[in-house]
C-alpha atoms as a PDB file:
ATOM      1  CA  MET A   1     -10.899  17.141 -13.787  1.00  0.00           C
ATOM      2  CA  LEU A   2      -8.938  13.810 -14.600  1.00  0.00           C
ATOM      3  CA  LYS A   3     -10.266  10.894 -17.219  1.00  0.00           C
ATOM      4  CA  VAL A   4      -9.506   7.668 -16.821  1.00  0.00           C
ATOM      5  CA  LEU A   5      -9.055   6.272 -20.217  1.00  0.00           C
ATOM      6  CA  LYS A   6      -7.780   3.036 -18.770  1.00  0.00           C
ATOM      7  CA  SER A   7      -8.018   1.931 -15.604  1.00  0.00           C
ATOM      8  CA  GLY A   8      -5.015  -0.939 -15.011  1.00  0.00           C
ATOM      9  CA  PHE A   9      -5.012  -3.758 -12.800  1.00  0.00           C
ATOM     10  CA  PHE A  10      -6.108  -2.823  -9.565  1.00  0.00           C
ATOM     11  CA  THR A  11      -6.383   1.095  -9.262  1.00  0.00           C
ATOM     12  CA  THR A  12      -7.691   3.037  -6.452  1.00  0.00           C
ATOM     13  CA  ILE A  13      -7.525   6.443  -4.246  1.00  0.00           C
ATOM     14  CA  GLN A  14      -6.073   5.861  -1.085  1.00  0.00           C
ATOM     15  CA  ASP A  15      -5.128   8.583   1.716  1.00  0.00           C
ATOM     16  CA  SER A  16      -3.600   7.738   5.302  1.00  0.00           C
ATOM     17  CA  GLY A  17      -6.863   5.858   5.991  1.00  0.00           C
ATOM     18  CA  ARG A  18      -9.625   5.913   8.878  1.00  0.00           C
ATOM     19  CA  PHE A  19      -8.986   5.845  12.458  1.00  0.00           C
ATOM     20  CA  GLY A  20     -10.908   5.390  15.445  1.00  0.00           C
ATOM     21  CA  TYR A  21     -13.519   2.856  14.017  1.00  0.00           C
ATOM     22  CA  LEU A  22     -12.012  -0.377  14.406  1.00  0.00           C
ATOM     23  CA  ASN A  23     -14.393  -1.280  17.259  1.00  0.00           C
ATOM     24  CA  LYS A  24     -17.429  -0.479  14.634  1.00  0.00           C
ATOM     25  CA  GLY A  25     -15.915  -3.687  11.901  1.00  0.00           C
ATOM     26  CA  VAL A  26     -14.243  -0.647   9.014  1.00  0.00           C
ATOM     27  CA  PRO A  27     -10.387  -1.416   8.487  1.00  0.00           C
ATOM     28  CA  VAL A  28      -8.155   1.497   8.163  1.00  0.00           C
ATOM     29  CA  ALA A  29      -7.531   1.366   4.543  1.00  0.00           C
ATOM     30  CA  GLY A  30      -5.063   4.164   3.108  1.00  0.00           C
ATOM     31  CA  TYR A  31      -2.041   3.609   1.161  1.00  0.00           C
ATOM     32  CA  MET A  32      -0.060   0.117   1.307  1.00  0.00           C
ATOM     33  CA  ASP A  33       3.166   1.419   0.836  1.00  0.00           C
ATOM     34  CA  SER A  34       3.047   4.762   3.524  1.00  0.00           C
ATOM     35  CA  PHE A  35       6.372   5.110   3.152  1.00  0.00           C
ATOM     36  CA  SER A  36       6.816   5.908  -0.752  1.00  0.00           C
ATOM     37  CA  ALA A  37       2.936   7.714  -0.369  1.00  0.00           C
ATOM     38  CA  SER A  38       3.923  10.044   2.162  1.00  0.00           C
ATOM     39  CA  LYS A  39       7.473  10.958   0.491  1.00  0.00           C
ATOM     40  CA  LEU A  40       5.533  12.245  -2.559  1.00  0.00           C
ATOM     41  CA  ASN A  41       3.204  14.234  -0.681  1.00  0.00           C
ATOM     42  CA  LYS A  42       5.652  15.737   0.967  1.00  0.00           C
ATOM     43  CA  LEU A  43       8.018  16.966  -2.190  1.00  0.00           C
ATOM     44  CA  LEU A  44       4.702  18.463  -3.630  1.00  0.00           C
ATOM     45  CA  ASP A  45       4.053  20.291  -0.327  1.00  0.00           C
ATOM     46  CA  ASN A  46       0.765  18.668   0.254  1.00  0.00           C
ATOM     47  CA  PRO A  47      -0.896  17.894   3.338  1.00  0.00           C
ATOM     48  CA  GLN A  48       0.300  14.641   5.109  1.00  0.00           C
ATOM     49  CA  ASN A  49      -3.297  13.189   4.364  1.00  0.00           C
ATOM     50  CA  ALA A  50      -3.663  14.268   0.657  1.00  0.00           C
ATOM     51  CA  ALA A  51      -5.208  11.091  -1.652  1.00  0.00           C
ATOM     52  CA  VAL A  52      -2.830   9.668  -4.063  1.00  0.00           C
ATOM     53  CA  MET A  53      -3.702   7.121  -6.757  1.00  0.00           C
ATOM     54  CA  GLU A  54      -2.179   3.481  -6.079  1.00  0.00           C
ATOM     55  CA  ILE A  55      -1.447   2.023  -8.845  1.00  0.00           C
ATOM     56  CA  THR A  56      -1.155  -2.144  -8.677  1.00  0.00           C
ATOM     57  CA  MET A  57       1.218  -4.028 -11.387  1.00  0.00           C
ATOM     58  CA  THR A  58      -0.338  -2.718 -14.411  1.00  0.00           C
ATOM     59  CA  GLY A  59      -0.952   1.130 -14.536  1.00  0.00           C
ATOM     60  CA  PRO A  60      -3.804   3.471 -16.159  1.00  0.00           C
ATOM     61  CA  THR A  61      -3.680   5.924 -18.840  1.00  0.00           C
ATOM     62  CA  LEU A  62      -5.061   9.044 -17.377  1.00  0.00           C
ATOM     63  CA  LEU A  63      -5.938  12.287 -19.330  1.00  0.00           C
ATOM     64  CA  PHE A  64      -5.734  15.714 -17.267  1.00  0.00           C
ATOM     65  CA  GLU A  65      -8.490  18.306 -18.334  1.00  0.00           C
ATOM     66  CA  GLU A  66      -7.122  21.143 -16.029  1.00  0.00           C
ATOM     67  CA  PRO A  67      -3.461  22.311 -15.466  1.00  0.00           C
ATOM     68  CA  THR A  68      -1.410  21.032 -12.507  1.00  0.00           C
ATOM     69  CA  TYR A  69       1.594  19.327 -10.698  1.00  0.00           C
ATOM     70  CA  ILE A  70       2.069  15.644 -10.167  1.00  0.00           C
ATOM     71  CA  CYS A  71       4.728  12.972  -8.673  1.00  0.00           C
ATOM     72  CA  LEU A  72       5.256   9.508  -8.750  1.00  0.00           C
ATOM     73  CA  GLY A  73       6.965   6.749  -7.129  1.00  0.00           C
ATOM     74  CA  GLY A  74       7.042   3.243  -5.049  1.00  0.00           C
ATOM     75  CA  ALA A  75       7.146   0.602  -7.589  1.00  0.00           C
ATOM     76  CA  ASN A  76       9.511   0.863 -10.696  1.00  0.00           C
ATOM     77  CA  ILE A  77       7.041   0.909 -13.317  1.00  0.00           C
ATOM     78  CA  SER A  78       7.696   2.656 -16.999  1.00  0.00           C
ATOM     79  CA  VAL A  79       5.422   5.606 -17.050  1.00  0.00           C
ATOM     80  CA  THR A  80       5.109   8.338 -20.018  1.00  0.00           C
ATOM     81  CA  LEU A  81       3.717  12.032 -20.318  1.00  0.00           C
ATOM     82  CA  ASN A  82       2.725  12.598 -23.719  1.00  0.00           C
ATOM     83  CA  ASN A  83       4.856   9.830 -24.863  1.00  0.00           C
ATOM     84  CA  ASN A  84       7.917  11.080 -23.240  1.00  0.00           C
ATOM     85  CA  PRO A  85       9.193   9.032 -20.316  1.00  0.00           C
ATOM     86  CA  ILE A  86       9.287  10.549 -16.626  1.00  0.00           C
ATOM     87  CA  GLU A  87      11.104   9.490 -13.647  1.00  0.00           C
ATOM     88  CA  GLN A  88      10.342   9.030 -10.017  1.00  0.00           C
ATOM     89  CA  TYR A  89      10.114  11.340  -7.231  1.00  0.00           C
ATOM     90  CA  LYS A  90      10.442  14.408  -9.389  1.00  0.00           C
ATOM     91  CA  ILE A  91       7.752  17.333 -10.066  1.00  0.00           C
ATOM     92  CA  TYR A  92       6.284  17.329 -13.452  1.00  0.00           C
ATOM     93  CA  LYS A  93       3.785  20.281 -14.633  1.00  0.00           C
ATOM     94  CA  ILE A  94       1.102  19.016 -16.348  1.00  0.00           C
ATOM     95  CA  GLU A  95      -1.043  20.970 -18.745  1.00  0.00           C
ATOM     96  CA  LYS A  96      -4.651  21.043 -20.407  1.00  0.00           C
ATOM     97  CA  GLY A  97      -4.764  17.679 -21.823  1.00  0.00           C
ATOM     98  CA  ASP A  98      -1.671  15.653 -21.070  1.00  0.00           C
ATOM     99  CA  ILE A  99      -1.889  12.285 -21.039  1.00  0.00           C
ATOM    100  CA  ILE A 100       0.222  10.155 -18.600  1.00  0.00           C
ATOM    101  CA  SER A 101       0.725   6.496 -19.407  1.00  0.00           C
ATOM    102  CA  TYR A 102       1.876   3.469 -17.514  1.00  0.00           C
ATOM    103  CA  GLY A 103       3.619   0.612 -19.347  1.00  0.00           C
ATOM    104  CA  ARG A 104       5.386  -2.721 -18.289  1.00  0.00           C
ATOM    105  CA  LEU A 105       6.331  -3.134 -14.088  1.00  0.00           C
ATOM    106  CA  LYS A 106      10.275  -3.831 -13.841  1.00  0.00           C
ATOM    107  CA  LYS A 107      10.448  -4.077  -9.846  1.00  0.00           C
ATOM    108  CA  GLY A 108       8.087  -3.486  -6.880  1.00  0.00           C
ATOM    109  CA  PHE A 109       4.231  -3.804  -7.260  1.00  0.00           C
ATOM    110  CA  ARG A 110       2.658  -0.824  -6.314  1.00  0.00           C
ATOM    111  CA  ASN A 111       3.437   2.852  -7.691  1.00  0.00           C
ATOM    112  CA  TYR A 112       1.463   5.866  -6.536  1.00  0.00           C
ATOM    113  CA  LEU A 113       0.774   9.123  -8.096  1.00  0.00           C
ATOM    114  CA  ALA A 114       0.280  12.238  -6.211  1.00  0.00           C
ATOM    115  CA  ILE A 115      -1.238  15.495  -7.155  1.00  0.00           C
ATOM    116  CA  LYS A 116      -0.957  19.147  -5.743  1.00  0.00           C
ATOM    117  CA  ASN A 117      -3.356  18.855  -2.575  1.00  0.00           C
ATOM    118  CA  GLY A 118      -4.767  15.363  -3.362  1.00  0.00           C
ATOM    119  CA  PHE A 119      -6.899  13.889  -5.353  1.00  0.00           C
ATOM    120  CA  LYS A 120     -10.848  14.791  -4.213  1.00  0.00           C
ATOM    121  CA  SER A 121     -12.447  11.282  -4.095  1.00  0.00           C
ATOM    122  CA  ASP A 122     -15.610  11.200  -1.961  1.00  0.00           C
ATOM    123  CA  GLU A 123     -14.723  11.762   1.717  1.00  0.00           C
ATOM    124  CA  VAL A 124     -16.311   8.680   3.762  1.00  0.00           C
ATOM    125  CA  ILE A 125     -16.185   8.665   7.313  1.00  0.00           C
ATOM    126  CA  GLY A 126     -12.731  11.145   7.585  1.00  0.00           C
ATOM    127  CA  SER A 127     -10.762   9.330   4.788  1.00  0.00           C
ATOM    128  CA  ARG A 128     -11.053   9.380   0.677  1.00  0.00           C
ATOM    129  CA  SER A 129      -9.444   5.881   0.491  1.00  0.00           C
ATOM    130  CA  PHE A 130     -11.283   3.552  -1.374  1.00  0.00           C
ATOM    131  CA  TYR A 131     -12.866   0.430   0.668  1.00  0.00           C
ATOM    132  CA  TYR A 132     -16.201  -1.065  -1.001  1.00  0.00           C
ATOM    133  CA  PRO A 133     -18.881  -1.079   0.174  1.00  0.00           C
ATOM    134  CA  LEU A 134     -17.882   1.760   2.336  1.00  0.00           C
ATOM    135  CA  THR A 135     -17.187   3.829  -0.649  1.00  0.00           C
ATOM    136  CA  ASN A 136     -19.361   3.261  -3.839  1.00  0.00           C
ATOM    137  CA  ARG A 137     -16.199   1.656  -5.382  1.00  0.00           C
ATOM    138  CA  SER A 138     -13.636  -0.683  -4.910  1.00  0.00           C
ATOM    139  CA  HIS A 139     -11.361   0.380  -7.513  1.00  0.00           C
ATOM    140  CA  LEU A 140     -11.418   2.991 -10.836  1.00  0.00           C
ATOM    141  CA  SER A 141     -12.768   1.672 -13.618  1.00  0.00           C
ATOM    142  CA  ASP A 142     -12.755   2.964 -17.558  1.00  0.00           C
ATOM    143  CA  ARG A 143     -14.035   6.289 -18.419  1.00  0.00           C
ATOM    144  CA  THR A 144     -13.930   7.011 -14.178  1.00  0.00           C
ATOM    145  CA  GLU A 145     -13.976  11.038 -13.633  1.00  0.00           C
ATOM    146  CA  LEU A 146     -11.939  12.187 -10.669  1.00  0.00           C
ATOM    147  CA  LEU A 147     -11.556  15.800  -9.561  1.00  0.00           C
ATOM    148  CA  TYR A 148      -8.784  18.123  -8.179  1.00  0.00           C
ATOM    149  CA  GLU A 149      -7.883  21.374  -7.701  1.00  0.00           C
ATOM    150  CA  PRO A 150      -6.205  23.139 -11.013  1.00  0.00           C
ATOM    151  CA  HIS A 151      -2.933  24.842 -10.427  1.00  0.00           C
ATOM    152  CA  GLU A 152      -1.631  26.896 -13.144  1.00  0.00           C
ATOM    153  CA  ASP A 153       1.638  28.410 -11.035  1.00  0.00           C
ATOM    154  CA  TYR A 154       3.271  26.521  -8.114  1.00  0.00           C
ATOM    155  CA  GLU A 155       6.627  26.919  -7.102  1.00  0.00           C
ATOM    156  CA  ALA A 156       8.228  23.790  -5.463  1.00  0.00           C
ATOM    157  CA  LYS A 157      10.687  24.207  -2.305  1.00  0.00           C
ATOM    158  CA  ILE A 158      12.667  21.385  -4.208  1.00  0.00           C
ATOM    159  CA  SER A 159      11.597  19.600  -7.417  1.00  0.00           C
ATOM    160  CA  GLU A 160      12.987  16.235  -6.827  1.00  0.00           C
ATOM    161  CA  LEU A 161      14.013  13.682  -4.574  1.00  0.00           C
ATOM    162  CA  LYS A 162      16.817  11.453  -4.122  1.00  0.00           C
ATOM    163  CA  VAL A 163      14.960   8.151  -2.099  1.00  0.00           C
ATOM    164  CA  ASP A 164      16.808   5.181  -1.274  1.00  0.00           C
ATOM    165  CA  SER A 165      14.758   2.485  -2.992  1.00  0.00           C
ATOM    166  CA  PHE A 166      13.880  -0.478  -0.331  1.00  0.00           C
ATOM    167  CA  LEU A 167      12.240  -2.467  -3.452  1.00  0.00           C
ATOM    168  CA  ASP A 168      15.030  -5.042  -3.082  1.00  0.00           C
ATOM    169  CA  GLU A 169      14.745  -5.368   0.856  1.00  0.00           C
ATOM    170  CA  LYS A 170      13.497  -8.523   2.475  1.00  0.00           C
ATOM    171  CA  VAL A 171      13.773  -8.679   5.725  1.00  0.00           C
ATOM    172  CA  LEU A 172      10.650  -7.517   7.811  1.00  0.00           C
ATOM    173  CA  HIS A 173      11.651  -5.585  11.125  1.00  0.00           C
ATOM    174  CA  VAL A 174       8.544  -7.488  13.507  1.00  0.00           C
ATOM    175  CA  ALA A 175       7.713  -6.914  17.360  1.00  0.00           C
ATOM    176  CA  ILE A 176       6.364  -9.799  19.417  1.00  0.00           C
ATOM    177  CA  GLY A 177       2.390 -10.178  19.366  1.00  0.00           C
ATOM    178  CA  PRO A 178      -0.265 -10.692  21.809  1.00  0.00           C
ATOM    179  CA  GLU A 179       0.303 -14.465  21.844  1.00  0.00           C
ATOM    180  CA  PHE A 180       3.858 -14.524  21.033  1.00  0.00           C
ATOM    181  CA  GLY A 181       4.479 -16.351  24.347  1.00  0.00           C
ATOM    182  CA  LEU A 182       2.401 -19.459  22.520  1.00  0.00           C
ATOM    183  CA  LEU A 183       5.150 -20.593  20.547  1.00  0.00           C
ATOM    184  CA  ASP A 184       7.550 -23.565  21.256  1.00  0.00           C
ATOM    185  CA  ASP A 185      11.292 -23.282  20.205  1.00  0.00           C
ATOM    186  CA  LYS A 186      10.953 -25.250  17.497  1.00  0.00           C
ATOM    187  CA  GLN A 187       8.436 -22.530  15.961  1.00  0.00           C
ATOM    188  CA  LEU A 188      10.533 -19.883  16.789  1.00  0.00           C
ATOM    189  CA  GLU A 189      13.684 -21.432  15.300  1.00  0.00           C
ATOM    190  CA  GLN A 190      11.338 -21.866  12.050  1.00  0.00           C
ATOM    191  CA  LEU A 191       9.903 -18.276  12.076  1.00  0.00           C
ATOM    192  CA  PHE A 192      13.623 -16.410  12.290  1.00  0.00           C
ATOM    193  CA  SER A 193      16.299 -18.906  10.686  1.00  0.00           C
ATOM    194  CA  LYS A 194      14.991 -19.473   7.357  1.00  0.00           C
ATOM    195  CA  ASP A 195      13.389 -17.453   4.049  1.00  0.00           C
ATOM    196  CA  PHE A 196       9.914 -17.465   3.274  1.00  0.00           C
ATOM    197  CA  SER A 197       8.009 -16.669  -0.189  1.00  0.00           C
ATOM    198  CA  VAL A 198       4.732 -14.953  -0.829  1.00  0.00           C
ATOM    199  CA  ALA A 199       1.668 -17.509  -1.655  1.00  0.00           C
ATOM    200  CA  LYS A 200      -0.500 -16.858  -4.467  1.00  0.00           C
ATOM    201  CA  GLU A 201      -2.952 -15.456  -1.776  1.00  0.00           C
ATOM    202  CA  TYR A 202      -2.360 -11.922  -1.364  1.00  0.00           C
ATOM    203  CA  ASN A 203      -3.861  -8.447  -1.897  1.00  0.00           C
ATOM    204  CA  ARG A 204      -4.992  -5.147   0.283  1.00  0.00           C
ATOM    205  CA  MET A 205      -6.728  -7.462   2.953  1.00  0.00           C
ATOM    206  CA  ALA A 206      -3.642 -10.055   3.505  1.00  0.00           C
ATOM    207  CA  TYR A 207      -0.935 -11.427   2.448  1.00  0.00           C
ATOM    208  CA  GLN A 208      -0.244 -15.465   2.988  1.00  0.00           C
ATOM    209  CA  ILE A 209       2.698 -16.921   3.313  1.00  0.00           C
ATOM    210  CA  GLU A 210       3.576 -19.963   0.896  1.00  0.00           C
ATOM    211  CA  GLU A 211       5.954 -22.041   3.841  1.00  0.00           C
ATOM    212  CA  LYS A 212       4.518 -23.107   6.685  1.00  0.00           C
ATOM    213  CA  ILE A 213       5.403 -23.726  10.327  1.00  0.00           C
ATOM    214  CA  HIS A 214       4.616 -26.396  13.173  1.00  0.00           C
ATOM    215  CA  GLY A 215       1.007 -25.843  13.770  1.00  0.00           C
ATOM    216  CA  HIS A 216      -0.721 -25.488  16.944  1.00  0.00           C
ATOM    217  CA  SER A 217      -3.761 -26.439  19.277  1.00  0.00           C
ATOM    218  CA  HIS A 218      -4.596 -23.369  20.991  1.00  0.00           C
ATOM    219  CA  SER A 219      -8.255 -21.833  20.974  1.00  0.00           C
ATOM    220  CA  MET A 220      -8.730 -18.189  21.752  1.00  0.00           C
ATOM    221  CA  LEU A 221     -11.464 -15.853  21.608  1.00  0.00           C
ATOM    222  CA  THR A 222     -11.829 -13.552  18.776  1.00  0.00           C
ATOM    223  CA  SER A 223      -9.359 -10.919  19.230  1.00  0.00           C
ATOM    224  CA  ALA A 224      -8.442  -7.231  17.768  1.00  0.00           C
ATOM    225  CA  THR A 225      -5.958  -7.344  14.946  1.00  0.00           C
ATOM    226  CA  LEU A 226      -4.353  -4.416  13.095  1.00  0.00           C
ATOM    227  CA  PRO A 227      -2.193  -3.688   9.740  1.00  0.00           C
ATOM    228  CA  GLY A 228       0.714  -5.637  10.054  1.00  0.00           C
ATOM    229  CA  THR A 229      -0.704  -8.371  12.605  1.00  0.00           C
ATOM    230  CA  MET A 230       0.589 -11.699  11.759  1.00  0.00           C
ATOM    231  CA  GLN A 231      -1.695 -14.579  12.557  1.00  0.00           C
ATOM    232  CA  LEU A 232      -0.942 -18.316  12.860  1.00  0.00           C
ATOM    233  CA  THR A 233      -3.490 -20.922  12.015  1.00  0.00           C
ATOM    234  CA  PRO A 234      -3.724 -24.378  13.831  1.00  0.00           C
ATOM    235  CA  SER A 235      -2.496 -25.792  10.406  1.00  0.00           C
ATOM    236  CA  GLY A 236       0.800 -23.832  10.893  1.00  0.00           C
ATOM    237  CA  LYS A 237       0.181 -21.083   7.879  1.00  0.00           C
ATOM    238  CA  LEU A 238       1.331 -17.566   8.211  1.00  0.00           C
ATOM    239  CA  ILE A 239      -1.292 -14.893   7.406  1.00  0.00           C
ATOM    240  CA  ILE A 240      -0.141 -11.453   7.387  1.00  0.00           C
ATOM    241  CA  LEU A 241      -3.355  -8.652   7.605  1.00  0.00           C
ATOM    242  CA  MET A 242      -2.725  -5.298   5.810  1.00  0.00           C
ATOM    243  CA  LYS A 243      -4.582  -2.229   5.208  1.00  0.00           C
ATOM    244  CA  ASP A 244      -7.793  -3.347   4.168  1.00  0.00           C
ATOM    245  CA  GLY A 245      -7.904  -6.354   6.600  1.00  0.00           C
ATOM    246  CA  GLN A 246     -10.348  -7.370   9.108  1.00  0.00           C
ATOM    247  CA  THR A 247     -10.052  -6.137  12.602  1.00  0.00           C
ATOM    248  CA  THR A 248     -10.924  -8.740  14.460  1.00  0.00           C
ATOM    249  CA  GLY A 249      -9.621 -12.448  14.383  1.00  0.00           C
ATOM    250  CA  GLY A 250      -9.488 -15.902  16.203  1.00  0.00           C
ATOM    251  CA  TYR A 251      -5.715 -17.337  15.338  1.00  0.00           C
ATOM    252  CA  PRO A 252      -2.730 -16.321  17.634  1.00  0.00           C
ATOM    253  CA  ARG A 253      -1.447 -13.125  17.102  1.00  0.00           C
ATOM    254  CA  ILE A 254       2.068 -13.797  17.076  1.00  0.00           C
ATOM    255  CA  LEU A 255       3.901 -11.248  15.583  1.00  0.00           C
ATOM    256  CA  GLN A 256       3.297  -7.333  14.368  1.00  0.00           C
ATOM    257  CA  LEU A 257       5.104  -5.746  11.582  1.00  0.00           C
ATOM    258  CA  SER A 258       6.683  -2.461  11.849  1.00  0.00           C
ATOM    259  CA  ASP A 259       4.866   0.631   9.369  1.00  0.00           C
ATOM    260  CA  LYS A 260       8.101   0.217   7.465  1.00  0.00           C
ATOM    261  CA  ALA A 261       8.029  -3.529   6.821  1.00  0.00           C
ATOM    262  CA  ILE A 262       4.329  -2.967   5.620  1.00  0.00           C
ATOM    263  CA  SER A 263       5.484  -1.003   3.431  1.00  0.00           C
ATOM    264  CA  ILE A 264       8.247  -3.063   2.044  1.00  0.00           C
ATOM    265  CA  LEU A 265       5.928  -6.104   2.044  1.00  0.00           C
ATOM    266  CA  ALA A 266       3.244  -4.433   0.174  1.00  0.00           C
ATOM    267  CA  GLN A 267       5.944  -4.069  -2.763  1.00  0.00           C
ATOM    268  CA  LYS A 268       5.943  -7.812  -2.826  1.00  0.00           C
ATOM    269  CA  LYS A 269       4.103 -10.304  -5.018  1.00  0.00           C
ATOM    270  CA  TYR A 270       3.640 -13.674  -5.828  1.00  0.00           C
ATOM    271  CA  GLY A 271       7.060 -15.660  -4.964  1.00  0.00           C
ATOM    272  CA  ASP A 272       9.003 -12.884  -3.556  1.00  0.00           C
ATOM    273  CA  VAL A 273      11.312 -13.857  -1.029  1.00  0.00           C
ATOM    274  CA  ILE A 274      10.878 -12.159   2.798  1.00  0.00           C
ATOM    275  CA  SER A 275      12.593 -13.185   6.464  1.00  0.00           C
ATOM    276  CA  PHE A 276      11.162 -11.537   9.632  1.00  0.00           C
ATOM    277  CA  LYS A 277      13.575  -9.981  12.168  1.00  0.00           C
ATOM    278  CA  LEU A 278      12.731  -9.406  15.873  1.00  0.00           C
ATOM    279  CA  VAL A 279      13.187  -6.210  17.364  1.00  0.00           C
ATOM    280  CA  LYS A 280      12.833  -4.627  20.630  1.00  0.00           C
ATOM    281  CA  THR A 281       9.967  -2.081  20.880  1.00  0.00           C
END
């Protein structure tokens, strides 16, 4: 059992997500930065879909009541184990009574804490990912208790990874969306010739972009969307749907972010700079 002594700003449990339910209006959910989360699960020899803790901006204080093994990665945040600093992408053995504490955010926005064989939050239609009201909570709160399988002895194939950080990357690789052909030359020039910045409106549902491009007067039927779908509003506002994003939308779907681009964007916060690079699929 794990006890959440302090929950942090917005701490959730996420696995790779729910698939096959978009036509029922159920978002995929899952890791916002799947690149970092998957590296941690591989390091611990976990199943690919193992549930990890997703920590946003300010992290929790956690008490472990049974032995296990953990590792962390993603955003660069100060973290201590029993008041001793620990490193990213390195396996640590946890003993009964050990306390993990998160401190200052240095770079990025979302950190991930993986545990041997994953956290055992309730499974709802094939996933342990939090998504309220489908799940009974949207995020962890103080005094929450979480189950995990205790592990006394575990011999890892490797004890740490050297991972190239992408926290400084700003270029998002994108493919053309279904309504890409509605864009005129001026809009295309605006999209691919300058930098943009993350607006104040950003979360697990969507990231809005501060700068606008030329708007449009196109009307369309509500159509299917995916995580990473970029929509263009009539006013010229750019909205990028993320893992908890709506499953349909009525704005032109002009671009589609790659999986790596979604992970890069998930590590951005208000004011951070991004740009778009069109790639062939």
